[in-house]
């Protein structure tokens, strides 16, 4: 109860304190949703939120190297926790803002049927995934292939994008026949997708954290508080994510 009241107070204070700006690093899978949330927050608060997106690993590396971000919306829980441990993020500020879902998508509606494993074992030229070393959705895709016993079978047909945005572009352009992207990226009425069973990969818990640079920035503090509101949770769920922590 006290924590919820404190978050509400922080959001209210940030809205009254005058116009401030915050630069927020956002995992590529969540970029479109983050833009919508930033727009809603700006309308309520008067602050300005600038979104900078990329793979979680790339953004983490930039933060460690001193990039001027105020907050970080990761696609995993590990890297925000590391930033807290190293003093580059504010202790106690980390929370799960969304739980991601993985989808196998093709722009060709005839390529994927009800069982995506069949499409993965069938004839195709290239399968696109995000770089598993820097993108949690790419790592999850590799877990799915391993769970299905297809890692070796598709190894010479894998193409990797720097993040899920680049992976989507590979598939949409036809340079890859199919690939793993975030459920939130699926285009309306285009192609066909298989929503990957969550049992085939580790949970995609996506954590946010207030970075040390943003500790005294009302825009950054207020935006993270807003992400835990019912209004923001409704937007996040509508985009295809599981809801994260409440206020």
Protein backbone atom coordinates (compact mmCIF):
# COMPACT_ATOMS: atom_id res chain seq x y z
CA UNK A 1 0.00 0.00 0.00
CA UNK A 2 2.78 2.42 0.94
CA UNK A 3 4.71 1.60 -2.25
CA UNK A 4 1.63 2.22 -4.40
CA UNK A 5 0.97 5.54 -2.67
CA UNK A 6 4.59 6.56 -3.14
CA UNK A 7 4.52 5.77 -6.86
CA UNK A 8 1.30 7.74 -7.27
CA UNK A 9 2.84 10.68 -5.43
CA UNK A 10 5.97 10.60 -7.59
CA UNK A 11 3.87 10.62 -10.74
CA UNK A 12 1.75 13.50 -9.47
CA UNK A 13 4.76 15.53 -8.40
CA UNK A 14 6.48 15.00 -11.74
CA UNK A 15 3.38 16.27 -13.53
CA UNK A 16 3.36 19.49 -11.49
CA UNK A 17 7.05 20.21 -11.45
CA UNK A 18 7.24 21.75 -14.91
CA UNK A 19 8.32 20.39 -18.24
CA UNK A 20 11.35 18.11 -18.14
CA UNK A 21 12.82 15.73 -20.70
CA UNK A 22 14.02 12.15 -20.39
CA UNK A 23 15.88 9.87 -22.79
CA UNK A 24 14.69 6.29 -22.42
CA UNK A 25 16.49 3.25 -23.85
CA UNK A 26 13.88 0.73 -25.04
CA UNK A 27 14.27 -2.83 -26.31
CA UNK A 28 13.34 -3.00 -30.00
CA UNK A 29 10.37 -5.33 -29.48
CA UNK A 30 8.70 -2.74 -27.24
CA UNK A 31 9.57 0.41 -29.21
CA UNK A 32 6.17 0.91 -30.86
CA UNK A 33 4.32 0.34 -27.59
CA UNK A 34 6.72 2.62 -25.74
CA UNK A 35 6.03 5.41 -28.21
CA UNK A 36 2.29 5.09 -27.55
CA UNK A 37 2.86 5.09 -23.80
CA UNK A 38 5.18 8.08 -24.03
CA UNK A 39 2.55 10.02 -25.96
CA UNK A 40 -0.06 9.31 -23.28
CA UNK A 41 2.34 10.22 -20.48
CA UNK A 42 3.39 13.44 -22.18
CA UNK A 43 -0.25 14.49 -22.57
CA UNK A 44 -0.87 13.92 -18.85
CA UNK A 45 2.38 15.30 -17.44
CA UNK A 46 3.70 17.94 -19.83
CA UNK A 47 7.09 16.22 -19.80
CA UNK A 48 8.88 14.98 -22.92
CA UNK A 49 10.02 11.38 -23.38
CA UNK A 50 12.44 10.50 -26.18
CA UNK A 51 12.65 6.82 -27.09
CA UNK A 52 15.92 5.29 -28.29
CA UNK A 53 15.49 1.67 -29.37
CA UNK A 54 17.83 -1.20 -30.14
CA UNK A 55 18.66 -4.69 -28.99
CA UNK A 56 18.84 -5.13 -25.24
CA UNK A 57 22.50 -6.10 -25.42
CA UNK A 58 23.42 -3.09 -27.53
CA UNK A 59 21.57 -0.69 -25.24
CA UNK A 60 23.13 -2.25 -22.17
CA UNK A 61 26.61 -1.83 -23.65
CA UNK A 62 25.90 1.83 -24.40
CA UNK A 63 24.69 2.43 -20.84
CA UNK A 64 27.79 0.80 -19.38
CA UNK A 65 29.91 3.01 -21.64
CA UNK A 66 28.20 6.16 -20.35
CA UNK A 67 25.43 6.89 -22.86
CA UNK A 68 23.12 9.62 -21.48
CA UNK A 69 20.00 7.53 -20.87
CA UNK A 70 17.71 8.25 -17.92
CA UNK A 71 15.82 4.94 -17.86
CA UNK A 72 16.08 1.50 -19.46
CA UNK A 73 13.23 -0.72 -20.65
CA UNK A 74 14.96 -4.03 -21.27
CA UNK A 75 13.70 -7.21 -22.93
CA UNK A 76 15.12 -9.25 -20.06
CA UNK A 77 15.53 -9.08 -16.29
CA UNK A 78 19.24 -9.88 -16.19
CA UNK A 79 20.73 -6.67 -17.54
CA UNK A 80 18.69 -4.22 -15.42
CA UNK A 81 19.70 -6.29 -12.37
CA UNK A 82 23.36 -6.03 -13.38
CA UNK A 83 23.07 -2.26 -13.70
CA UNK A 84 21.70 -2.06 -10.16
CA UNK A 85 24.53 -4.28 -8.89
CA UNK A 86 27.17 -2.05 -10.49
CA UNK A 87 25.62 1.18 -9.24
CA UNK A 88 24.60 2.39 -12.68
CA UNK A 89 20.90 2.11 -11.84
CA UNK A 90 18.88 3.08 -8.79
CA UNK A 91 18.43 0.36 -6.19
CA UNK A 92 14.78 -0.57 -5.68
CA UNK A 93 13.63 0.93 -8.98
CA UNK A 94 13.62 -2.29 -11.03
CA UNK A 95 10.29 -3.89 -11.90
CA UNK A 96 8.69 -6.07 -14.60
CA UNK A 97 6.74 -3.86 -16.98
CA UNK A 98 5.73 -6.58 -19.47
CA UNK A 99 6.01 -10.28 -20.22
CA UNK A 100 6.77 -10.92 -23.87
CA UNK A 101 5.41 -13.56 -26.24
CA UNK A 102 7.30 -15.07 -29.15
CA UNK A 103 5.73 -15.69 -32.57
CA UNK A 104 6.87 -17.48 -35.71
CA UNK A 105 5.71 -15.34 -38.63
CA UNK A 106 5.77 -15.52 -42.43
CA UNK A 107 4.54 -12.93 -44.90
CA UNK A 108 3.33 -15.90 -46.97
CA UNK A 109 -0.02 -17.01 -45.46
CA UNK A 110 0.39 -20.52 -46.85
CA UNK A 111 3.73 -21.24 -45.21
CA UNK A 112 2.70 -21.63 -41.55
CA UNK A 113 -0.13 -23.89 -40.40
CA UNK A 114 -1.61 -24.51 -36.95
CA UNK A 115 1.54 -26.34 -35.84
CA UNK A 116 4.56 -24.11 -36.40
CA UNK A 117 6.93 -27.00 -35.81
CA UNK A 118 5.81 -28.44 -39.14
CA UNK A 119 6.77 -25.22 -40.94
CA UNK A 120 10.16 -25.22 -39.23
CA UNK A 121 10.89 -28.77 -40.36
CA UNK A 122 9.65 -28.19 -43.90
CA UNK A 123 11.20 -26.65 -46.98
CA UNK A 124 12.34 -23.04 -46.68
CA UNK A 125 15.39 -21.07 -47.69
CA UNK A 126 16.04 -18.85 -44.68
CA UNK A 127 14.77 -18.56 -41.11
CA UNK A 128 15.29 -15.20 -39.43
CA UNK A 129 15.98 -14.66 -35.73
CA UNK A 130 17.36 -11.76 -33.72
CA UNK A 131 20.98 -12.07 -32.64
CA UNK A 132 20.77 -14.47 -29.67
CA UNK A 133 23.87 -12.94 -28.06
CA UNK A 134 22.35 -9.48 -27.73
CA UNK A 135 18.58 -9.92 -28.13
CA UNK A 136 16.52 -11.92 -25.60
CA UNK A 137 13.93 -12.76 -28.28
CA UNK A 138 16.72 -14.28 -30.37
CA UNK A 139 17.89 -16.32 -27.40
CA UNK A 140 14.31 -17.50 -26.87
CA UNK A 141 14.08 -18.49 -30.54
CA UNK A 142 17.18 -20.66 -30.17
CA UNK A 143 15.62 -22.29 -27.10
CA UNK A 144 12.55 -23.15 -29.17
CA UNK A 145 14.65 -24.71 -31.91
CA UNK A 146 16.54 -26.74 -29.33
CA UNK A 147 13.31 -27.86 -27.64
CA UNK A 148 11.98 -29.04 -31.00
CA UNK A 149 15.22 -30.82 -31.87
CA UNK A 150 15.77 -28.62 -34.94
CA UNK A 151 18.93 -26.68 -34.04
CA UNK A 152 21.26 -28.62 -36.33
CA UNK A 153 18.68 -29.02 -39.10
CA UNK A 154 18.24 -25.27 -39.58
CA UNK A 155 21.73 -24.07 -38.64
CA UNK A 156 22.85 -23.35 -42.21
CA UNK A 157 19.61 -21.51 -43.02
CA UNK A 158 19.58 -19.05 -40.13
CA UNK A 159 19.90 -15.32 -40.77
CA UNK A 160 20.24 -12.97 -37.83
CA UNK A 161 19.12 -9.40 -37.39
CA UNK A 162 20.65 -7.06 -34.86
CA UNK A 163 17.30 -6.88 -33.07
CA UNK A 164 13.72 -8.01 -33.63
CA UNK A 165 13.03 -4.92 -35.72
CA UNK A 166 15.68 -5.97 -38.23
CA UNK A 167 14.40 -9.54 -38.05
CA UNK A 168 10.90 -8.37 -38.94
CA UNK A 169 12.33 -6.48 -41.93
CA UNK A 170 14.05 -9.64 -43.20
CA UNK A 171 10.73 -11.51 -43.19
CA UNK A 172 8.52 -8.70 -44.49
CA UNK A 173 10.87 -8.10 -47.43
CA UNK A 174 10.95 -11.78 -48.39
CA UNK A 175 14.67 -12.10 -47.70
CA UNK A 176 13.70 -14.71 -45.11
CA UNK A 177 10.79 -17.08 -45.61
CA UNK A 178 9.80 -17.02 -41.96
CA UNK A 179 11.21 -16.03 -38.61
CA UNK A 180 10.76 -15.43 -34.91
CA UNK A 181 9.56 -12.01 -33.80
CA UNK A 182 7.63 -10.55 -30.88
CA UNK A 183 3.88 -11.12 -30.86
CA UNK A 184 3.49 -7.35 -30.56
CA UNK A 185 5.10 -6.91 -33.99
CA UNK A 186 2.60 -8.99 -35.94
CA UNK A 187 1.00 -6.90 -38.70
CA UNK A 188 -2.78 -6.93 -38.98
CA UNK A 189 -4.05 -9.21 -41.74
CA UNK A 190 -0.65 -9.93 -43.27
CA UNK A 191 0.82 -13.39 -43.57
CA UNK A 192 0.30 -16.00 -40.91
CA UNK A 193 1.80 -16.66 -37.49
CA UNK A 194 2.19 -19.39 -34.92
CA UNK A 195 2.15 -18.15 -31.33
CA UNK A 196 4.94 -20.14 -29.73
CA UNK A 197 3.88 -22.12 -26.63
CA UNK A 198 5.53 -20.55 -23.61
CA UNK A 199 6.66 -23.99 -22.42
CA UNK A 200 9.22 -24.06 -25.26
CA UNK A 201 11.36 -21.22 -23.91
CA UNK A 202 12.23 -19.39 -20.71
CA UNK A 203 9.80 -16.62 -19.72
CA UNK A 204 10.40 -13.29 -21.46
CA UNK A 205 10.07 -11.09 -18.38
CA UNK A 206 10.95 -7.55 -19.44
CA UNK A 207 12.26 -5.28 -16.67
CA UNK A 208 12.54 -1.52 -16.44
CA UNK A 209 14.98 0.36 -14.25
CA UNK A 210 15.73 3.98 -13.40
CA UNK A 211 19.32 4.74 -14.34
CA UNK A 212 21.56 6.74 -12.03
CA UNK A 213 21.62 9.64 -14.46
CA UNK A 214 17.82 9.88 -14.26
CA UNK A 215 17.51 9.57 -10.48
CA UNK A 216 16.64 13.26 -10.07
CA UNK A 217 14.81 13.66 -13.38
CA UNK A 218 11.05 14.13 -12.75
CA UNK A 219 10.24 13.08 -16.33
CA UNK A 220 12.05 9.76 -16.00
CA UNK A 221 10.78 9.02 -12.48
CA UNK A 222 7.23 9.85 -13.49
CA UNK A 223 7.35 7.80 -16.69
CA UNK A 224 8.40 4.65 -14.85
CA UNK A 225 5.64 5.23 -12.29
CA UNK A 226 3.17 5.66 -15.16
CA UNK A 227 4.20 2.28 -16.64
CA UNK A 228 2.76 0.60 -13.55
CA UNK A 229 -0.59 2.36 -13.78
CA UNK A 230 -3.81 0.68 -14.93
CA UNK A 231 -3.87 2.97 -17.99
CA UNK A 232 -0.42 1.85 -19.11
CA UNK A 233 -1.08 -1.81 -18.32
CA UNK A 234 -4.13 -1.73 -20.60
CA UNK A 235 -1.99 -0.39 -23.46
CA UNK A 236 0.69 -3.01 -22.81
CA UNK A 237 -1.79 -5.88 -22.76
CA UNK A 238 -3.52 -4.65 -25.92
CA UNK A 239 -0.14 -4.73 -27.69
CA UNK A 240 0.20 -8.46 -27.04
CA UNK A 241 2.16 -8.60 -23.79
CA UNK A 242 1.42 -10.09 -20.43
CA UNK A 243 1.03 -7.40 -17.81
CA UNK A 244 3.88 -6.65 -15.45
CA UNK A 245 3.92 -5.40 -11.88
CA UNK A 246 1.13 -3.20 -10.57
CA UNK A 247 1.54 0.04 -8.67
